[in-house]
Amino acid sequence: MTLALAIEPDGGCAVHELVEDTELRQLQALVDGYIEGIYGPGWVGFVNEEGLIKNLDQNVVGTNLAMECDWYGGLPLGEFLRGTIVFLGEPNEEGESTDVSPDMLRMVGIRPEQFPQYNL
């Protein structure tokens, strides 16, 4: 299982356990549609690929977290990612997902110690 951080447009944050066999379906359910990746050093995030087309709510907290964590992408000034954003660690050598970093959890007020079963 992989630990993921989901940030809702209203700023609500939740930690989810993703199961390898159903990870894609879980990610699609969390973002409510097909996924599109966003990337930064040591992490990957997923958003609804049609978030702008569907006019999903802006996700200020998630966009700011991505930018604070050196997101490789970017948006025009005043624009934000749309809908739920799910953050994970960067894929390992086999391309498999890894746990979201303890630093990202701390940045949104979640204590990594709450998840002792993970090596955070």
N, C-alpha and C. Protein backbone atom coordinates (compact mmCIF):
# COMPACT_ATOMS: atom_id res chain seq x y z
N MET A 1 0.83 -1.18 0.00
CA MET A 1 0.00 0.00 0.00
C MET A 1 0.87 1.24 0.00
N THR A 2 0.31 2.29 -0.56
CA THR A 2 1.02 3.56 -0.67
C THR A 2 0.19 4.65 -0.01
N LEU A 3 0.85 5.51 0.74
CA LEU A 3 0.18 6.60 1.43
C LEU A 3 0.13 7.83 0.53
N ALA A 4 -1.08 8.37 0.32
CA ALA A 4 -1.28 9.53 -0.54
C ALA A 4 -1.97 10.64 0.24
N LEU A 5 -1.70 11.87 -0.14
CA LEU A 5 -2.33 13.04 0.45
C LEU A 5 -3.27 13.65 -0.57
N ALA A 6 -4.55 13.76 -0.22
CA ALA A 6 -5.53 14.39 -1.10
C ALA A 6 -5.93 15.74 -0.51
N ILE A 7 -5.90 16.76 -1.35
CA ILE A 7 -6.31 18.10 -0.92
C ILE A 7 -7.51 18.51 -1.76
N GLU A 8 -8.60 18.81 -1.08
CA GLU A 8 -9.85 19.20 -1.72
C GLU A 8 -9.82 20.70 -2.03
N PRO A 9 -10.66 21.14 -2.96
CA PRO A 9 -10.71 22.58 -3.28
C PRO A 9 -11.06 23.46 -2.08
N ASP A 10 -11.79 22.93 -1.11
CA ASP A 10 -12.14 23.73 0.06
C ASP A 10 -11.01 23.77 1.09
N GLY A 11 -9.87 23.15 0.76
CA GLY A 11 -8.71 23.15 1.64
C GLY A 11 -8.65 21.95 2.57
N GLY A 12 -9.67 21.12 2.57
CA GLY A 12 -9.66 19.92 3.40
C GLY A 12 -8.60 18.94 2.92
N CYS A 13 -7.91 18.34 3.87
CA CYS A 13 -6.84 17.39 3.56
C CYS A 13 -7.15 16.04 4.17
N ALA A 14 -6.84 14.98 3.44
CA ALA A 14 -7.05 13.63 3.95
C ALA A 14 -5.94 12.73 3.42
N VAL A 15 -5.60 11.74 4.22
CA VAL A 15 -4.60 10.76 3.83
C VAL A 15 -5.35 9.49 3.40
N HIS A 16 -4.91 8.92 2.29
CA HIS A 16 -5.53 7.71 1.74
C HIS A 16 -4.47 6.64 1.53
N GLU A 17 -4.86 5.40 1.74
CA GLU A 17 -3.99 4.26 1.43
C GLU A 17 -4.40 3.73 0.06
N LEU A 18 -3.45 3.74 -0.87
CA LEU A 18 -3.71 3.24 -2.21
C LEU A 18 -3.19 1.82 -2.32
N VAL A 19 -4.00 0.95 -2.88
CA VAL A 19 -3.63 -0.46 -3.07
C VAL A 19 -3.09 -0.61 -4.49
N GLU A 20 -1.94 -1.26 -4.61
CA GLU A 20 -1.25 -1.35 -5.90
C GLU A 20 -2.15 -1.83 -7.04
N ASP A 21 -2.92 -2.87 -6.82
CA ASP A 21 -3.75 -3.44 -7.90
C ASP A 21 -4.86 -2.51 -8.36
N THR A 22 -5.31 -1.62 -7.50
CA THR A 22 -6.43 -0.74 -7.84
C THR A 22 -6.06 0.74 -7.78
N GLU A 23 -4.75 1.03 -7.76
CA GLU A 23 -4.29 2.40 -7.57
C GLU A 23 -4.86 3.37 -8.61
N LEU A 24 -4.83 3.01 -9.87
CA LEU A 24 -5.34 3.91 -10.91
C LEU A 24 -6.81 4.23 -10.67
N ARG A 25 -7.62 3.22 -10.41
CA ARG A 25 -9.04 3.45 -10.15
C ARG A 25 -9.25 4.31 -8.91
N GLN A 26 -8.43 4.10 -7.87
CA GLN A 26 -8.54 4.91 -6.67
C GLN A 26 -8.19 6.36 -6.96
N LEU A 27 -7.13 6.59 -7.71
CA LEU A 27 -6.75 7.95 -8.06
C LEU A 27 -7.84 8.62 -8.89
N GLN A 28 -8.40 7.89 -9.85
CA GLN A 28 -9.47 8.46 -10.67
C GLN A 28 -10.70 8.78 -9.83
N ALA A 29 -11.00 7.96 -8.84
CA ALA A 29 -12.13 8.24 -7.96
C ALA A 29 -11.86 9.48 -7.10
N LEU A 30 -10.64 9.61 -6.63
CA LEU A 30 -10.30 10.76 -5.79
C LEU A 30 -10.39 12.08 -6.55
N VAL A 31 -9.95 12.10 -7.81
CA VAL A 31 -10.00 13.34 -8.60
C VAL A 31 -11.27 13.45 -9.43
N ASP A 32 -12.11 12.43 -9.37
CA ASP A 32 -13.39 12.40 -10.07
C ASP A 32 -13.22 12.49 -11.59
N GLY A 33 -12.35 11.64 -12.13
CA GLY A 33 -12.16 11.60 -13.58
C GLY A 33 -10.79 11.05 -13.95
N TYR A 34 -10.46 11.18 -15.23
CA TYR A 34 -9.14 10.74 -15.68
C TYR A 34 -8.07 11.62 -15.06
N ILE A 35 -6.89 11.01 -14.82
CA ILE A 35 -5.84 11.74 -14.12
C ILE A 35 -4.82 12.35 -15.07
N GLU A 36 -4.26 13.46 -14.61
CA GLU A 36 -3.13 14.10 -15.29
C GLU A 36 -2.09 14.35 -14.23
N GLY A 37 -0.82 14.07 -14.54
CA GLY A 37 0.25 14.21 -13.57
C GLY A 37 0.84 15.61 -13.53
N ILE A 38 1.23 16.01 -12.32
CA ILE A 38 2.05 17.20 -12.12
C ILE A 38 3.25 16.73 -11.32
N TYR A 39 4.39 17.40 -11.47
CA TYR A 39 5.62 16.85 -10.92
C TYR A 39 6.49 17.91 -10.27
N GLY A 40 7.23 17.47 -9.27
CA GLY A 40 8.24 18.29 -8.62
C GLY A 40 9.34 17.39 -8.11
N PRO A 41 10.40 17.97 -7.58
CA PRO A 41 11.51 17.14 -7.09
C PRO A 41 11.07 16.31 -5.88
N GLY A 42 11.07 14.99 -6.06
CA GLY A 42 10.72 14.08 -4.97
C GLY A 42 9.25 13.78 -4.82
N TRP A 43 8.42 14.28 -5.72
CA TRP A 43 6.98 14.03 -5.60
C TRP A 43 6.30 14.04 -6.96
N VAL A 44 5.10 13.48 -6.97
CA VAL A 44 4.21 13.51 -8.12
C VAL A 44 2.81 13.81 -7.59
N GLY A 45 2.03 14.51 -8.38
CA GLY A 45 0.65 14.79 -8.00
C GLY A 45 -0.27 14.44 -9.15
N PHE A 46 -1.54 14.27 -8.84
CA PHE A 46 -2.52 13.96 -9.87
C PHE A 46 -3.74 14.85 -9.71
N VAL A 47 -4.22 15.33 -10.85
CA VAL A 47 -5.41 16.18 -10.90
C VAL A 47 -6.36 15.61 -11.95
N ASN A 48 -7.58 16.10 -11.98
CA ASN A 48 -8.53 15.73 -13.03
C ASN A 48 -8.06 16.41 -14.31
N GLU A 49 -7.84 15.61 -15.36
CA GLU A 49 -7.29 16.18 -16.60
C GLU A 49 -8.25 17.16 -17.27
N GLU A 50 -9.52 17.13 -16.91
CA GLU A 50 -10.49 18.05 -17.49
C GLU A 50 -10.98 19.07 -16.47
N GLY A 51 -10.17 19.31 -15.44
CA GLY A 51 -10.58 20.22 -14.38
C GLY A 51 -10.96 21.60 -14.86
N LEU A 52 -10.20 22.14 -15.80
CA LEU A 52 -10.49 23.47 -16.33
C LEU A 52 -11.73 23.43 -17.23
N ILE A 53 -11.81 22.42 -18.10
CA ILE A 53 -12.94 22.28 -19.02
C ILE A 53 -14.25 22.12 -18.23
N LYS A 54 -14.19 21.32 -17.16
CA LYS A 54 -15.39 21.07 -16.34
C LYS A 54 -15.64 22.20 -15.34
N ASN A 55 -14.76 23.19 -15.34
CA ASN A 55 -14.86 24.32 -14.41
C ASN A 55 -14.94 23.86 -12.96
N LEU A 56 -14.08 22.90 -12.60
CA LEU A 56 -14.03 22.46 -11.21
C LEU A 56 -13.52 23.61 -10.35
N ASP A 57 -13.85 23.55 -9.08
CA ASP A 57 -13.44 24.60 -8.15
C ASP A 57 -11.93 24.72 -8.09
N GLN A 58 -11.45 25.95 -7.93
CA GLN A 58 -10.02 26.19 -7.79
C GLN A 58 -9.52 25.59 -6.49
N ASN A 59 -8.32 25.05 -6.54
CA ASN A 59 -7.71 24.45 -5.35
C ASN A 59 -6.50 25.29 -4.95
N VAL A 60 -6.76 26.31 -4.14
CA VAL A 60 -5.73 27.25 -3.74
C VAL A 60 -4.69 26.57 -2.85
N VAL A 61 -5.13 25.81 -1.85
CA VAL A 61 -4.21 25.16 -0.91
C VAL A 61 -3.31 24.17 -1.65
N GLY A 62 -3.90 23.33 -2.49
CA GLY A 62 -3.12 22.34 -3.23
C GLY A 62 -2.15 22.97 -4.22
N THR A 63 -2.59 24.02 -4.91
CA THR A 63 -1.72 24.72 -5.84
C THR A 63 -0.55 25.35 -5.10
N ASN A 64 -0.84 25.99 -3.98
CA ASN A 64 0.24 26.61 -3.20
C ASN A 64 1.23 25.59 -2.68
N LEU A 65 0.73 24.41 -2.24
CA LEU A 65 1.63 23.35 -1.79
C LEU A 65 2.53 22.90 -2.93
N ALA A 66 1.96 22.68 -4.10
CA ALA A 66 2.76 22.27 -5.26
C ALA A 66 3.83 23.32 -5.58
N MET A 67 3.45 24.57 -5.53
CA MET A 67 4.41 25.64 -5.84
C MET A 67 5.49 25.75 -4.75
N GLU A 68 5.11 25.59 -3.49
CA GLU A 68 6.09 25.63 -2.40
C GLU A 68 7.07 24.46 -2.50
N CYS A 69 6.62 23.36 -3.11
CA CYS A 69 7.46 22.17 -3.26
C CYS A 69 8.11 22.12 -4.65
N ASP A 70 8.28 23.28 -5.25
CA ASP A 70 9.01 23.43 -6.52
C ASP A 70 8.39 22.68 -7.70
N TRP A 71 7.08 22.84 -7.87
CA TRP A 71 6.36 22.26 -9.01
C TRP A 71 7.07 22.66 -10.29
N TYR A 72 7.29 21.67 -11.18
CA TYR A 72 7.96 21.92 -12.45
C TYR A 72 7.06 22.65 -13.45
N GLY A 73 5.77 22.60 -13.22
CA GLY A 73 4.83 23.26 -14.13
C GLY A 73 4.63 24.71 -13.73
N GLY A 74 3.53 25.22 -14.11
CA GLY A 74 3.21 26.58 -13.74
C GLY A 74 1.89 26.99 -14.35
N LEU A 75 1.35 28.05 -13.81
CA LEU A 75 0.09 28.57 -14.29
C LEU A 75 0.20 30.07 -14.46
N PRO A 76 -0.63 30.65 -15.29
CA PRO A 76 -0.64 32.11 -15.38
C PRO A 76 -0.97 32.73 -14.01
N LEU A 77 -0.49 33.90 -13.79
CA LEU A 77 -0.73 34.61 -12.53
C LEU A 77 -2.22 34.66 -12.22
N GLY A 78 -2.57 34.27 -11.00
CA GLY A 78 -3.97 34.30 -10.58
C GLY A 78 -4.75 33.04 -10.90
N GLU A 79 -4.13 32.08 -11.57
CA GLU A 79 -4.80 30.82 -11.89
C GLU A 79 -4.38 29.74 -10.89
N PHE A 80 -5.24 28.74 -10.72
CA PHE A 80 -4.99 27.66 -9.77
C PHE A 80 -5.37 26.34 -10.41
N LEU A 81 -4.76 25.26 -9.90
CA LEU A 81 -5.19 23.92 -10.31
C LEU A 81 -6.64 23.76 -9.88
N ARG A 82 -7.36 22.86 -10.54
CA ARG A 82 -8.79 22.70 -10.28
C ARG A 82 -9.08 21.32 -9.71
N GLY A 83 -10.05 21.27 -8.81
CA GLY A 83 -10.50 20.01 -8.23
C GLY A 83 -9.53 19.47 -7.20
N THR A 84 -9.75 18.23 -6.83
CA THR A 84 -8.91 17.55 -5.84
C THR A 84 -7.53 17.28 -6.43
N ILE A 85 -6.51 17.46 -5.60
CA ILE A 85 -5.13 17.15 -6.00
C ILE A 85 -4.63 16.06 -5.06
N VAL A 86 -4.05 15.01 -5.63
CA VAL A 86 -3.52 13.89 -4.85
C VAL A 86 -2.01 13.87 -5.00
N PHE A 87 -1.30 13.91 -3.87
CA PHE A 87 0.16 13.92 -3.87
C PHE A 87 0.72 12.58 -3.39
N LEU A 88 1.78 12.14 -4.05
CA LEU A 88 2.52 10.92 -3.69
C LEU A 88 4.01 11.25 -3.74
N GLY A 89 4.82 10.31 -3.26
CA GLY A 89 6.26 10.44 -3.44
C GLY A 89 6.60 10.13 -4.89
N GLU A 90 7.85 10.44 -5.29
CA GLU A 90 8.24 10.14 -6.67
C GLU A 90 8.32 8.63 -6.87
N PRO A 91 8.04 8.15 -8.07
CA PRO A 91 8.09 6.71 -8.33
C PRO A 91 9.49 6.15 -8.06
N ASN A 92 9.52 4.88 -7.65
CA ASN A 92 10.81 4.21 -7.43
C ASN A 92 11.41 3.74 -8.76
N GLU A 93 12.51 3.01 -8.68
CA GLU A 93 13.20 2.56 -9.89
C GLU A 93 12.34 1.69 -10.79
N GLU A 94 11.38 0.98 -10.20
CA GLU A 94 10.49 0.12 -10.98
C GLU A 94 9.27 0.89 -11.50
N GLY A 95 9.19 2.17 -11.21
CA GLY A 95 8.06 2.97 -11.65
C GLY A 95 6.84 2.88 -10.75
N GLU A 96 7.01 2.26 -9.60
CA GLU A 96 5.89 2.11 -8.66
C GLU A 96 5.78 3.35 -7.78
N SER A 97 4.57 3.65 -7.37
CA SER A 97 4.33 4.80 -6.50
C SER A 97 4.98 4.59 -5.14
N THR A 98 5.37 5.70 -4.53
CA THR A 98 5.90 5.67 -3.17
C THR A 98 5.09 6.63 -2.30
N ASP A 99 5.27 6.49 -0.99
CA ASP A 99 4.50 7.30 -0.03
C ASP A 99 4.79 8.79 -0.18
N VAL A 100 3.75 9.57 0.08
CA VAL A 100 3.91 11.03 0.14
C VAL A 100 4.95 11.34 1.22
N SER A 101 5.69 12.40 1.05
CA SER A 101 6.77 12.70 2.00
C SER A 101 6.22 13.24 3.33
N PRO A 102 6.93 12.95 4.42
CA PRO A 102 6.53 13.50 5.71
C PRO A 102 6.50 15.03 5.70
N ASP A 103 7.41 15.64 4.94
CA ASP A 103 7.43 17.11 4.87
C ASP A 103 6.14 17.66 4.26
N MET A 104 5.65 17.02 3.21
CA MET A 104 4.40 17.48 2.60
C MET A 104 3.25 17.34 3.60
N LEU A 105 3.22 16.23 4.32
CA LEU A 105 2.17 16.05 5.33
C LEU A 105 2.24 17.16 6.38
N ARG A 106 3.44 17.43 6.86
CA ARG A 106 3.61 18.47 7.88
C ARG A 106 3.18 19.84 7.36
N MET A 107 3.43 20.11 6.09
CA MET A 107 3.10 21.42 5.52
C MET A 107 1.60 21.70 5.53
N VAL A 108 0.79 20.64 5.59
CA VAL A 108 -0.67 20.84 5.66
C VAL A 108 -1.22 20.49 7.04
N GLY A 109 -0.31 20.34 8.02
CA GLY A 109 -0.75 20.14 9.39
C GLY A 109 -1.05 18.71 9.79
N ILE A 110 -0.57 17.74 9.02
CA ILE A 110 -0.77 16.33 9.36
C ILE A 110 0.54 15.78 9.91
N ARG A 111 0.45 15.11 11.05
CA ARG A 111 1.65 14.55 11.68
C ARG A 111 1.95 13.16 11.11
N PRO A 112 3.13 12.97 10.53
CA PRO A 112 3.48 11.66 9.96
C PRO A 112 3.46 10.54 11.01
N GLU A 113 3.68 10.89 12.29
CA GLU A 113 3.68 9.87 13.35
C GLU A 113 2.33 9.17 13.48
N GLN A 114 1.30 9.75 12.90
CA GLN A 114 -0.03 9.13 12.94
C GLN A 114 -0.08 7.86 12.09
N PHE A 115 0.95 7.63 11.31
CA PHE A 115 0.98 6.50 10.40
C PHE A 115 2.21 5.65 10.63
N PRO A 116 2.31 5.02 11.82
CA PRO A 116 3.52 4.27 12.18
C PRO A 116 3.76 3.05 11.28
N GLN A 117 2.73 2.56 10.60
CA GLN A 117 2.90 1.39 9.74
C GLN A 117 3.67 1.75 8.48
N TYR A 118 3.88 3.03 8.23
CA TYR A 118 4.65 3.48 7.06
C TYR A 118 6.00 3.97 7.52
N ASN A 119 6.96 3.85 6.68
CA ASN A 119 8.32 4.26 6.99
C ASN A 119 8.54 5.72 6.60
N LEU A 120 7.86 6.62 7.26
CA LEU A 120 7.93 8.04 6.88
C LEU A 120 9.03 8.76 7.62
